[in-house]
Amino acid sequence: MECRARRSRRDLLRGSLSLAGFGLLAACGLLPAGRQQPARLSRIGVLSYASVPGTRPPPTFITALKDGLYDLGRGPTEFDVQGRSAQRPDQYAGFAAELARLGSDVIVVDTVSAALAVREAAPTLPVVFVHVGDPIGAGLVASLARPGGNVTGLSSVSPQLSGKRLQLLKECLPRLSRVAALRNPDEPARPSST
């Protein structure tokens, strides 16, 4: 039997990437008007963190992003996704520059470090972040309501949800008595929201 929290996390990722997909379509001016075909193939870059070496983002990330675009009415022949992943923040700059050179219309990121690297490599390229820490504290956006500039997305800053997260964990593991939280000190402006 699948734990409700695991299912919720998967649904949250897909929903978040659907919203990110909406954001990237809006950022590129590619929202459907009626059901017209876009004039050309949309190029979407993905720059993400990966705990194992490789140049591809985790398959679940790419699948959820594509599913979100399908949910918004985009077909598989309307966009091309090029992804890169890094294990360390110092690797993002090279991958960001590479995705910009490949002609990405927008780049989707999942860390503050990746967003900063894209902004440095291609200052005018639209960036959509998914579940980053504190985008305001990192200087990515002016505010969550009105991000301004070419960077937008979804923040995972939600210290008020910490109690709910623990409650869901306790539902899945009723005998749980201790919880530890890990964080990456190399990730800039990542508040402790666990």
N, C-alpha and C. Protein backbone atom coordinates (compact mmCIF):
# COMPACT_ATOMS: atom_id res chain seq x y z
N MET A 1 0.83 -1.18 0.00
CA MET A 1 0.00 0.00 0.00
C MET A 1 0.88 1.25 0.00
N GLU A 2 0.60 2.16 -0.88
CA GLU A 2 1.42 3.36 -1.02
C GLU A 2 1.08 4.36 0.07
N CYS A 3 2.09 4.92 0.68
CA CYS A 3 1.90 5.92 1.73
C CYS A 3 1.28 7.18 1.12
N ARG A 4 0.34 7.76 1.83
CA ARG A 4 -0.33 8.95 1.34
C ARG A 4 0.65 10.10 1.13
N ALA A 5 1.65 10.21 1.99
CA ALA A 5 2.64 11.28 1.87
C ALA A 5 3.45 11.11 0.59
N ARG A 6 3.83 9.87 0.23
CA ARG A 6 4.60 9.64 -0.98
C ARG A 6 3.77 10.02 -2.20
N ARG A 7 2.50 9.63 -2.19
CA ARG A 7 1.60 9.98 -3.29
C ARG A 7 1.43 11.49 -3.35
N SER A 8 1.27 12.14 -2.21
CA SER A 8 1.11 13.59 -2.17
C SER A 8 2.34 14.29 -2.73
N ARG A 9 3.55 13.78 -2.39
CA ARG A 9 4.77 14.39 -2.89
C ARG A 9 4.84 14.28 -4.40
N ARG A 10 4.48 13.11 -4.96
CA ARG A 10 4.49 12.92 -6.40
C ARG A 10 3.48 13.86 -7.06
N ASP A 11 2.27 13.95 -6.48
CA ASP A 11 1.25 14.84 -7.03
C ASP A 11 1.68 16.29 -6.93
N LEU A 12 2.36 16.65 -5.83
CA LEU A 12 2.84 18.01 -5.65
C LEU A 12 3.89 18.34 -6.70
N LEU A 13 4.82 17.40 -6.96
CA LEU A 13 5.84 17.63 -7.98
C LEU A 13 5.20 17.84 -9.34
N ARG A 14 4.26 16.98 -9.69
CA ARG A 14 3.60 17.12 -10.99
C ARG A 14 2.82 18.43 -11.06
N GLY A 15 2.10 18.76 -9.99
CA GLY A 15 1.36 20.02 -9.97
C GLY A 15 2.28 21.23 -10.04
N SER A 16 3.39 21.16 -9.31
CA SER A 16 4.36 22.26 -9.33
C SER A 16 4.95 22.43 -10.71
N LEU A 17 5.27 21.32 -11.35
CA LEU A 17 5.84 21.42 -12.69
C LEU A 17 4.79 21.82 -13.71
N SER A 18 3.51 21.52 -13.45
CA SER A 18 2.45 22.03 -14.32
C SER A 18 2.41 23.55 -14.22
N LEU A 19 2.50 24.05 -12.98
CA LEU A 19 2.53 25.51 -12.79
C LEU A 19 3.79 26.10 -13.40
N ALA A 20 4.91 25.40 -13.24
CA ALA A 20 6.16 25.87 -13.85
C ALA A 20 6.02 25.87 -15.36
N GLY A 21 5.37 24.84 -15.90
CA GLY A 21 5.12 24.78 -17.34
C GLY A 21 4.29 25.96 -17.80
N PHE A 22 3.29 26.31 -17.04
CA PHE A 22 2.47 27.49 -17.35
C PHE A 22 3.35 28.74 -17.32
N GLY A 23 4.22 28.82 -16.30
CA GLY A 23 5.11 29.97 -16.19
C GLY A 23 6.07 30.06 -17.36
N LEU A 24 6.62 28.93 -17.79
CA LEU A 24 7.57 29.00 -18.89
C LEU A 24 6.87 29.29 -20.20
N LEU A 25 5.66 28.79 -20.37
CA LEU A 25 4.91 29.13 -21.59
C LEU A 25 4.59 30.62 -21.61
N ALA A 26 4.20 31.16 -20.46
CA ALA A 26 3.91 32.59 -20.38
C ALA A 26 5.19 33.40 -20.61
N ALA A 27 6.30 32.95 -20.01
CA ALA A 27 7.57 33.67 -20.15
C ALA A 27 8.01 33.73 -21.60
N CYS A 28 7.71 32.72 -22.36
CA CYS A 28 8.12 32.67 -23.77
C CYS A 28 7.05 33.20 -24.71
N GLY A 29 5.93 33.62 -24.16
CA GLY A 29 4.84 34.07 -25.01
C GLY A 29 4.23 32.94 -25.82
N LEU A 30 4.19 31.74 -25.23
CA LEU A 30 3.74 30.57 -25.97
C LEU A 30 2.44 29.99 -25.46
N LEU A 31 1.66 30.77 -24.70
CA LEU A 31 0.38 30.26 -24.24
C LEU A 31 -0.55 30.10 -25.42
N PRO A 32 -1.30 29.02 -25.46
CA PRO A 32 -2.14 28.78 -26.63
C PRO A 32 -3.26 29.81 -26.76
N ALA A 33 -3.44 30.31 -27.95
CA ALA A 33 -4.56 31.19 -28.25
C ALA A 33 -5.46 30.36 -29.14
N GLY A 34 -6.55 29.87 -28.60
CA GLY A 34 -7.34 28.87 -29.31
C GLY A 34 -6.57 27.57 -29.22
N ARG A 35 -6.27 26.92 -30.29
CA ARG A 35 -5.41 25.73 -30.30
C ARG A 35 -4.47 25.85 -31.48
N GLN A 36 -3.89 27.04 -31.65
CA GLN A 36 -2.98 27.24 -32.76
C GLN A 36 -1.66 26.55 -32.49
N GLN A 37 -1.04 26.07 -33.54
CA GLN A 37 0.28 25.48 -33.43
C GLN A 37 1.30 26.61 -33.31
N PRO A 38 2.33 26.42 -32.48
CA PRO A 38 3.36 27.45 -32.41
C PRO A 38 4.11 27.53 -33.73
N ALA A 39 4.67 28.70 -34.02
CA ALA A 39 5.38 28.91 -35.27
C ALA A 39 6.62 28.03 -35.37
N ARG A 40 7.23 27.71 -34.23
CA ARG A 40 8.41 26.88 -34.24
C ARG A 40 8.46 26.05 -32.97
N LEU A 41 9.38 25.12 -32.94
CA LEU A 41 9.58 24.26 -31.78
C LEU A 41 10.11 25.09 -30.61
N SER A 42 9.49 24.97 -29.46
CA SER A 42 9.97 25.67 -28.25
C SER A 42 11.09 24.86 -27.64
N ARG A 43 12.17 25.53 -27.31
CA ARG A 43 13.32 24.86 -26.69
C ARG A 43 13.33 25.18 -25.20
N ILE A 44 13.24 24.13 -24.39
CA ILE A 44 13.20 24.28 -22.94
C ILE A 44 14.46 23.64 -22.36
N GLY A 45 15.24 24.44 -21.67
CA GLY A 45 16.41 23.93 -20.98
C GLY A 45 16.04 23.59 -19.56
N VAL A 46 16.63 22.56 -19.02
CA VAL A 46 16.42 22.18 -17.62
C VAL A 46 17.79 22.04 -16.97
N LEU A 47 17.99 22.78 -15.90
CA LEU A 47 19.24 22.71 -15.15
C LEU A 47 18.89 22.32 -13.73
N SER A 48 19.32 21.13 -13.32
CA SER A 48 18.89 20.63 -12.02
C SER A 48 20.05 20.02 -11.23
N TYR A 49 19.77 19.78 -9.99
CA TYR A 49 20.71 19.10 -9.11
C TYR A 49 20.52 17.60 -9.28
N ALA A 50 21.60 16.85 -9.24
CA ALA A 50 21.54 15.39 -9.28
C ALA A 50 22.54 14.84 -8.29
N SER A 51 22.13 13.87 -7.52
CA SER A 51 23.02 13.31 -6.52
C SER A 51 24.01 12.31 -7.11
N VAL A 52 23.80 11.94 -8.36
CA VAL A 52 24.74 11.04 -9.04
C VAL A 52 25.27 11.74 -10.28
N PRO A 53 26.48 11.41 -10.70
CA PRO A 53 27.05 12.08 -11.87
C PRO A 53 26.22 11.83 -13.13
N GLY A 54 26.24 12.79 -14.01
CA GLY A 54 25.54 12.64 -15.28
C GLY A 54 25.17 13.99 -15.84
N THR A 55 24.75 14.00 -17.08
CA THR A 55 24.37 15.26 -17.71
C THR A 55 22.87 15.37 -17.88
N ARG A 56 22.12 14.39 -17.42
CA ARG A 56 20.66 14.44 -17.54
C ARG A 56 20.02 14.66 -16.18
N PRO A 57 19.00 15.50 -16.11
CA PRO A 57 18.25 15.64 -14.86
C PRO A 57 17.53 14.34 -14.52
N PRO A 58 17.11 14.20 -13.28
CA PRO A 58 16.37 12.98 -12.90
C PRO A 58 15.17 12.77 -13.83
N PRO A 59 14.93 11.54 -14.27
CA PRO A 59 13.82 11.27 -15.20
C PRO A 59 12.47 11.72 -14.65
N THR A 60 12.26 11.62 -13.34
CA THR A 60 10.97 12.03 -12.78
C THR A 60 10.75 13.52 -12.98
N PHE A 61 11.81 14.32 -12.91
CA PHE A 61 11.72 15.76 -13.10
C PHE A 61 11.29 16.07 -14.53
N ILE A 62 11.96 15.45 -15.50
CA ILE A 62 11.64 15.68 -16.91
C ILE A 62 10.23 15.17 -17.24
N THR A 63 9.89 13.99 -16.75
CA THR A 63 8.56 13.42 -17.00
C THR A 63 7.48 14.32 -16.43
N ALA A 64 7.67 14.80 -15.21
CA ALA A 64 6.67 15.68 -14.59
C ALA A 64 6.54 16.98 -15.36
N LEU A 65 7.66 17.53 -15.83
CA LEU A 65 7.61 18.76 -16.62
C LEU A 65 6.84 18.54 -17.92
N LYS A 66 7.15 17.45 -18.62
CA LYS A 66 6.44 17.15 -19.87
C LYS A 66 4.96 16.91 -19.61
N ASP A 67 4.64 16.17 -18.54
CA ASP A 67 3.23 15.93 -18.20
C ASP A 67 2.51 17.25 -17.93
N GLY A 68 3.19 18.16 -17.24
CA GLY A 68 2.60 19.48 -16.98
C GLY A 68 2.33 20.24 -18.27
N LEU A 69 3.24 20.16 -19.22
CA LEU A 69 3.04 20.82 -20.52
C LEU A 69 1.90 20.16 -21.29
N TYR A 70 1.82 18.82 -21.22
CA TYR A 70 0.71 18.12 -21.87
C TYR A 70 -0.62 18.56 -21.25
N ASP A 71 -0.64 18.68 -19.91
CA ASP A 71 -1.85 19.13 -19.22
C ASP A 71 -2.28 20.52 -19.69
N LEU A 72 -1.32 21.33 -20.12
CA LEU A 72 -1.62 22.68 -20.60
C LEU A 72 -1.94 22.71 -22.09
N GLY A 73 -2.01 21.52 -22.70
CA GLY A 73 -2.41 21.45 -24.10
C GLY A 73 -1.27 21.42 -25.10
N ARG A 74 -0.04 21.28 -24.63
CA ARG A 74 1.09 21.21 -25.54
C ARG A 74 1.39 19.77 -25.89
N GLY A 75 1.60 19.50 -27.16
CA GLY A 75 1.91 18.14 -27.61
C GLY A 75 3.41 17.91 -27.65
N PRO A 76 3.82 16.65 -27.72
CA PRO A 76 5.25 16.33 -27.70
C PRO A 76 6.03 16.86 -28.90
N THR A 77 5.34 17.21 -29.98
CA THR A 77 6.04 17.75 -31.15
C THR A 77 6.18 19.27 -31.09
N GLU A 78 5.69 19.88 -30.02
CA GLU A 78 5.72 21.33 -29.92
C GLU A 78 6.88 21.87 -29.11
N PHE A 79 7.60 21.00 -28.41
CA PHE A 79 8.72 21.47 -27.59
C PHE A 79 9.81 20.42 -27.53
N ASP A 80 11.02 20.90 -27.26
CA ASP A 80 12.18 20.03 -27.11
C ASP A 80 12.80 20.37 -25.76
N VAL A 81 13.02 19.35 -24.93
CA VAL A 81 13.61 19.56 -23.61
C VAL A 81 15.05 19.08 -23.62
N GLN A 82 15.96 19.98 -23.30
CA GLN A 82 17.38 19.66 -23.15
C GLN A 82 17.74 19.84 -21.69
N GLY A 83 18.26 18.81 -21.06
CA GLY A 83 18.55 18.89 -19.65
C GLY A 83 20.00 18.66 -19.29
N ARG A 84 20.43 19.29 -18.23
CA ARG A 84 21.75 19.08 -17.65
C ARG A 84 21.58 19.04 -16.13
N SER A 85 22.45 18.29 -15.48
CA SER A 85 22.39 18.25 -14.02
C SER A 85 23.79 18.35 -13.45
N ALA A 86 23.88 18.89 -12.25
CA ALA A 86 25.15 19.11 -11.59
C ALA A 86 25.11 18.53 -10.19
N GLN A 87 26.27 18.12 -9.71
CA GLN A 87 26.37 17.63 -8.35
C GLN A 87 26.82 18.72 -7.40
N ARG A 88 27.53 19.71 -7.94
CA ARG A 88 28.06 20.79 -7.10
C ARG A 88 27.66 22.14 -7.69
N PRO A 89 27.46 23.14 -6.84
CA PRO A 89 27.07 24.47 -7.35
C PRO A 89 28.05 25.06 -8.36
N ASP A 90 29.36 24.74 -8.26
CA ASP A 90 30.32 25.32 -9.20
C ASP A 90 30.18 24.75 -10.61
N GLN A 91 29.41 23.69 -10.79
CA GLN A 91 29.20 23.10 -12.11
C GLN A 91 28.07 23.76 -12.88
N TYR A 92 27.22 24.52 -12.20
CA TYR A 92 26.06 25.12 -12.86
C TYR A 92 26.43 26.12 -13.95
N ALA A 93 27.48 26.90 -13.74
CA ALA A 93 27.83 27.96 -14.70
C ALA A 93 28.09 27.39 -16.10
N GLY A 94 28.86 26.33 -16.19
CA GLY A 94 29.15 25.74 -17.50
C GLY A 94 27.91 25.18 -18.17
N PHE A 95 27.08 24.49 -17.38
CA PHE A 95 25.85 23.93 -17.95
C PHE A 95 24.87 25.03 -18.35
N ALA A 96 24.79 26.11 -17.57
CA ALA A 96 23.89 27.22 -17.91
C ALA A 96 24.32 27.85 -19.24
N ALA A 97 25.62 28.06 -19.40
CA ALA A 97 26.13 28.63 -20.65
C ALA A 97 25.85 27.70 -21.83
N GLU A 98 26.01 26.40 -21.61
CA GLU A 98 25.75 25.42 -22.67
C GLU A 98 24.28 25.44 -23.09
N LEU A 99 23.36 25.47 -22.12
CA LEU A 99 21.93 25.50 -22.45
C LEU A 99 21.57 26.79 -23.18
N ALA A 100 22.20 27.89 -22.82
CA ALA A 100 21.96 29.15 -23.52
C ALA A 100 22.47 29.05 -24.96
N ARG A 101 23.66 28.47 -25.15
CA ARG A 101 24.22 28.31 -26.51
C ARG A 101 23.35 27.40 -27.37
N LEU A 102 22.67 26.43 -26.74
CA LEU A 102 21.80 25.52 -27.50
C LEU A 102 20.52 26.20 -27.98
N GLY A 103 20.32 27.45 -27.59
CA GLY A 103 19.16 28.21 -28.06
C GLY A 103 17.91 28.01 -27.23
N SER A 104 18.06 27.72 -25.95
CA SER A 104 16.89 27.56 -25.07
C SER A 104 16.06 28.83 -25.05
N ASP A 105 14.75 28.68 -25.12
CA ASP A 105 13.83 29.80 -25.01
C ASP A 105 13.60 30.16 -23.55
N VAL A 106 13.74 29.17 -22.68
CA VAL A 106 13.53 29.33 -21.25
C VAL A 106 14.32 28.21 -20.57
N ILE A 107 14.75 28.45 -19.34
CA ILE A 107 15.43 27.40 -18.59
C ILE A 107 14.72 27.21 -17.26
N VAL A 108 14.38 25.96 -16.96
CA VAL A 108 13.74 25.58 -15.70
C VAL A 108 14.83 25.08 -14.77
N VAL A 109 14.84 25.58 -13.53
CA VAL A 109 15.86 25.21 -12.55
C VAL A 109 15.20 24.75 -11.27
N ASP A 110 15.98 24.01 -10.44
CA ASP A 110 15.44 23.56 -9.17
C ASP A 110 16.28 23.96 -7.97
N THR A 111 17.24 24.85 -8.18
CA THR A 111 18.02 25.38 -7.06
C THR A 111 18.30 26.86 -7.29
N VAL A 112 18.58 27.57 -6.20
CA VAL A 112 18.97 28.97 -6.30
C VAL A 112 20.27 29.09 -7.08
N SER A 113 21.23 28.20 -6.79
CA SER A 113 22.53 28.24 -7.48
C SER A 113 22.37 28.12 -8.99
N ALA A 114 21.47 27.25 -9.44
CA ALA A 114 21.24 27.09 -10.88
C ALA A 114 20.62 28.35 -11.46
N ALA A 115 19.66 28.94 -10.77
CA ALA A 115 19.03 30.17 -11.26
C ALA A 115 20.04 31.30 -11.36
N LEU A 116 20.90 31.44 -10.36
CA LEU A 116 21.93 32.47 -10.39
C LEU A 116 22.90 32.24 -11.55
N ALA A 117 23.25 30.99 -11.80
CA ALA A 117 24.17 30.67 -12.90
C ALA A 117 23.55 31.01 -14.25
N VAL A 118 22.27 30.71 -14.42
CA VAL A 118 21.59 31.04 -15.69
C VAL A 118 21.52 32.54 -15.87
N ARG A 119 21.17 33.24 -14.79
CA ARG A 119 21.07 34.71 -14.87
C ARG A 119 22.42 35.33 -15.24
N GLU A 120 23.50 34.74 -14.74
CA GLU A 120 24.85 35.23 -15.06
C GLU A 120 25.23 34.90 -16.50
N ALA A 121 24.92 33.69 -16.95
CA ALA A 121 25.29 33.24 -18.29
C ALA A 121 24.45 33.89 -19.38
N ALA A 122 23.18 34.12 -19.10
CA ALA A 122 22.26 34.68 -20.10
C ALA A 122 21.27 35.60 -19.40
N PRO A 123 21.67 36.85 -19.15
CA PRO A 123 20.87 37.77 -18.33
C PRO A 123 19.44 38.04 -18.82
N THR A 124 19.17 37.85 -20.11
CA THR A 124 17.83 38.13 -20.62
C THR A 124 16.98 36.89 -20.82
N LEU A 125 17.56 35.73 -20.65
CA LEU A 125 16.84 34.47 -20.86
C LEU A 125 15.84 34.23 -19.71
N PRO A 126 14.58 33.93 -20.01
CA PRO A 126 13.61 33.65 -18.95
C PRO A 126 14.01 32.41 -18.14
N VAL A 127 13.86 32.52 -16.82
CA VAL A 127 14.18 31.43 -15.90
C VAL A 127 12.94 31.14 -15.06
N VAL A 128 12.58 29.86 -14.96
CA VAL A 128 11.47 29.43 -14.12
C VAL A 128 12.04 28.47 -13.08
N PHE A 129 11.92 28.85 -11.80
CA PHE A 129 12.44 27.98 -10.75
C PHE A 129 11.31 27.18 -10.12
N VAL A 130 11.66 25.98 -9.65
CA VAL A 130 10.71 25.08 -9.02
C VAL A 130 11.26 24.69 -7.66
N HIS A 131 10.52 25.00 -6.62
CA HIS A 131 10.88 24.60 -5.26
C HIS A 131 12.24 25.08 -4.79
N VAL A 132 12.61 26.30 -5.10
CA VAL A 132 13.86 26.82 -4.56
C VAL A 132 13.62 27.36 -3.15
N GLY A 133 14.69 27.60 -2.44
CA GLY A 133 14.60 28.11 -1.08
C GLY A 133 13.99 29.49 -1.03
N ASP A 134 14.79 30.50 -0.81
CA ASP A 134 14.31 31.87 -0.63
C ASP A 134 14.73 32.72 -1.83
N PRO A 135 13.89 32.81 -2.86
CA PRO A 135 14.28 33.57 -4.05
C PRO A 135 14.40 35.07 -3.79
N ILE A 136 13.70 35.58 -2.80
CA ILE A 136 13.81 37.01 -2.46
C ILE A 136 15.16 37.25 -1.79
N GLY A 137 15.49 36.44 -0.79
CA GLY A 137 16.76 36.57 -0.08
C GLY A 137 17.96 36.37 -1.00
N ALA A 138 17.80 35.53 -2.02
CA ALA A 138 18.89 35.26 -2.96
C ALA A 138 19.01 36.36 -4.02
N GLY A 139 18.04 37.27 -4.05
CA GLY A 139 18.07 38.35 -5.04
C GLY A 139 17.57 37.95 -6.41
N LEU A 140 16.86 36.82 -6.49
CA LEU A 140 16.33 36.38 -7.79
C LEU A 140 15.09 37.16 -8.19
N VAL A 141 14.25 37.48 -7.22
CA VAL A 141 13.00 38.18 -7.49
C VAL A 141 12.80 39.31 -6.48
N ALA A 142 12.02 40.30 -6.88
CA ALA A 142 11.73 41.41 -5.98
C ALA A 142 10.74 40.99 -4.90
N SER A 143 9.74 40.21 -5.28
CA SER A 143 8.76 39.68 -4.33
C SER A 143 8.11 38.46 -4.97
N LEU A 144 7.44 37.65 -4.16
CA LEU A 144 6.77 36.47 -4.72
C LEU A 144 5.54 36.88 -5.53
N ALA A 145 4.87 37.93 -5.12
CA ALA A 145 3.68 38.39 -5.84
C ALA A 145 4.04 39.06 -7.16
N ARG A 146 5.12 39.83 -7.17
CA ARG A 146 5.56 40.53 -8.37
C ARG A 146 7.08 40.35 -8.51
N PRO A 147 7.47 39.23 -9.15
CA PRO A 147 8.90 38.92 -9.21
C PRO A 147 9.72 39.94 -9.99
N GLY A 148 9.13 40.53 -11.03
CA GLY A 148 9.88 41.46 -11.87
C GLY A 148 10.98 40.74 -12.63
N GLY A 149 11.59 41.40 -13.57
CA GLY A 149 12.70 40.80 -14.32
C GLY A 149 12.29 39.58 -15.12
N ASN A 150 13.24 38.71 -15.36
CA ASN A 150 13.00 37.54 -16.20
C ASN A 150 13.04 36.23 -15.41
N VAL A 151 12.96 36.30 -14.08
CA VAL A 151 13.01 35.11 -13.23
C VAL A 151 11.69 35.01 -12.46
N THR A 152 11.09 33.83 -12.48
CA THR A 152 9.84 33.59 -11.75
C THR A 152 9.76 32.12 -11.38
N GLY A 153 8.79 31.76 -10.56
CA GLY A 153 8.62 30.35 -10.24
C GLY A 153 7.95 30.11 -8.92
N LEU A 154 8.22 28.92 -8.36
CA LEU A 154 7.60 28.47 -7.12
C LEU A 154 8.66 28.32 -6.04
N SER A 155 8.37 28.88 -4.88
CA SER A 155 9.31 28.81 -3.76
C SER A 155 8.89 27.73 -2.78
N SER A 156 9.87 27.10 -2.17
CA SER A 156 9.56 26.10 -1.14
C SER A 156 9.69 26.68 0.26
N VAL A 157 9.83 28.00 0.36
CA VAL A 157 9.90 28.64 1.66
C VAL A 157 8.54 28.50 2.32
N SER A 158 8.48 27.70 3.31
CA SER A 158 7.19 27.49 3.98
C SER A 158 7.41 26.94 5.39
N PRO A 159 8.05 27.71 6.26
CA PRO A 159 8.28 27.21 7.61
C PRO A 159 6.98 26.89 8.34
N GLN A 160 5.89 27.53 7.95
CA GLN A 160 4.61 27.25 8.61
C GLN A 160 4.09 25.86 8.28
N LEU A 161 4.66 25.20 7.27
CA LEU A 161 4.25 23.85 6.92
C LEU A 161 5.05 22.77 7.63
N SER A 162 6.04 23.16 8.40
CA SER A 162 6.89 22.18 9.07
C SER A 162 6.09 21.22 9.94
N GLY A 163 5.14 21.75 10.68
CA GLY A 163 4.29 20.90 11.53
C GLY A 163 3.49 19.91 10.71
N LYS A 164 2.97 20.35 9.58
CA LYS A 164 2.18 19.48 8.71
C LYS A 164 3.06 18.38 8.11
N ARG A 165 4.29 18.74 7.73
CA ARG A 165 5.21 17.74 7.19
C ARG A 165 5.48 16.65 8.22
N LEU A 166 5.71 17.06 9.47
CA LEU A 166 5.94 16.08 10.53
C LEU A 166 4.71 15.23 10.77
N GLN A 167 3.53 15.83 10.69
CA GLN A 167 2.29 15.09 10.88
C GLN A 167 2.15 14.02 9.80
N LEU A 168 2.41 14.35 8.54
CA LEU A 168 2.33 13.38 7.45
C LEU A 168 3.36 12.26 7.63
N LEU A 169 4.54 12.64 8.08
CA LEU A 169 5.57 11.64 8.33
C LEU A 169 5.14 10.68 9.43
N LYS A 170 4.53 11.21 10.47
CA LYS A 170 4.06 10.39 11.59
C LYS A 170 2.92 9.47 11.14
N GLU A 171 2.07 9.94 10.21
CA GLU A 171 1.01 9.08 9.67
C GLU A 171 1.60 7.89 8.91
N CYS A 172 2.67 8.14 8.18
CA CYS A 172 3.31 7.06 7.41
C CYS A 172 4.11 6.12 8.29
N LEU A 173 4.70 6.67 9.32
CA LEU A 173 5.55 5.89 10.23
C LEU A 173 5.10 6.14 11.67
N PRO A 174 4.03 5.49 12.12
CA PRO A 174 3.45 5.78 13.43
C PRO A 174 4.41 5.58 14.60
N ARG A 175 5.40 4.71 14.45
CA ARG A 175 6.32 4.46 15.55
C ARG A 175 7.52 5.42 15.54
N LEU A 176 7.48 6.39 14.68
CA LEU A 176 8.56 7.37 14.57
C LEU A 176 8.72 8.15 15.87
N SER A 177 9.96 8.24 16.35
CA SER A 177 10.19 9.00 17.59
C SER A 177 11.24 10.09 17.42
N ARG A 178 12.09 10.00 16.38
CA ARG A 178 13.11 11.03 16.13
C ARG A 178 13.14 11.37 14.65
N VAL A 179 13.38 12.64 14.37
CA VAL A 179 13.49 13.11 12.99
C VAL A 179 14.72 14.00 12.89
N ALA A 180 15.50 13.80 11.87
CA ALA A 180 16.66 14.65 11.61
C ALA A 180 16.45 15.35 10.27
N ALA A 181 16.92 16.55 10.14
CA ALA A 181 16.81 17.31 8.89
C ALA A 181 18.21 17.64 8.40
N LEU A 182 18.45 17.40 7.12
CA LEU A 182 19.74 17.70 6.51
C LEU A 182 19.55 18.87 5.55
N ARG A 183 20.58 19.65 5.42
CA ARG A 183 20.52 20.73 4.45
C ARG A 183 21.88 20.91 3.82
N ASN A 184 21.91 21.52 2.66
CA ASN A 184 23.14 21.75 1.92
C ASN A 184 23.64 23.15 2.25
N PRO A 185 24.74 23.28 2.99
CA PRO A 185 25.23 24.62 3.35
C PRO A 185 25.79 25.38 2.14
N ASP A 186 26.06 24.68 1.03
CA ASP A 186 26.57 25.35 -0.16
C ASP A 186 25.47 26.01 -0.98
N GLU A 187 24.21 25.69 -0.70
CA GLU A 187 23.10 26.27 -1.45
C GLU A 187 22.79 27.64 -0.84
N PRO A 188 22.98 28.74 -1.61
CA PRO A 188 22.78 30.09 -1.05
C PRO A 188 21.32 30.37 -0.72
N ALA A 189 21.13 31.16 0.31
CA ALA A 189 19.81 31.66 0.73
C ALA A 189 18.80 30.56 0.90
N ARG A 190 19.23 29.46 1.46
CA ARG A 190 18.31 28.34 1.71
C ARG A 190 17.94 28.37 3.18
N PRO A 191 16.79 28.95 3.52
CA PRO A 191 16.42 29.03 4.92
C PRO A 191 16.10 27.67 5.51
N SER A 192 16.22 27.57 6.78
CA SER A 192 15.86 26.32 7.45
C SER A 192 14.35 26.28 7.59
N SER A 193 13.70 25.58 6.68
CA SER A 193 12.23 25.52 6.70
C SER A 193 11.76 24.11 6.94
N THR A 194 12.59 23.30 7.55
CA THR A 194 12.25 21.89 7.77
C THR A 194 11.44 21.71 9.02
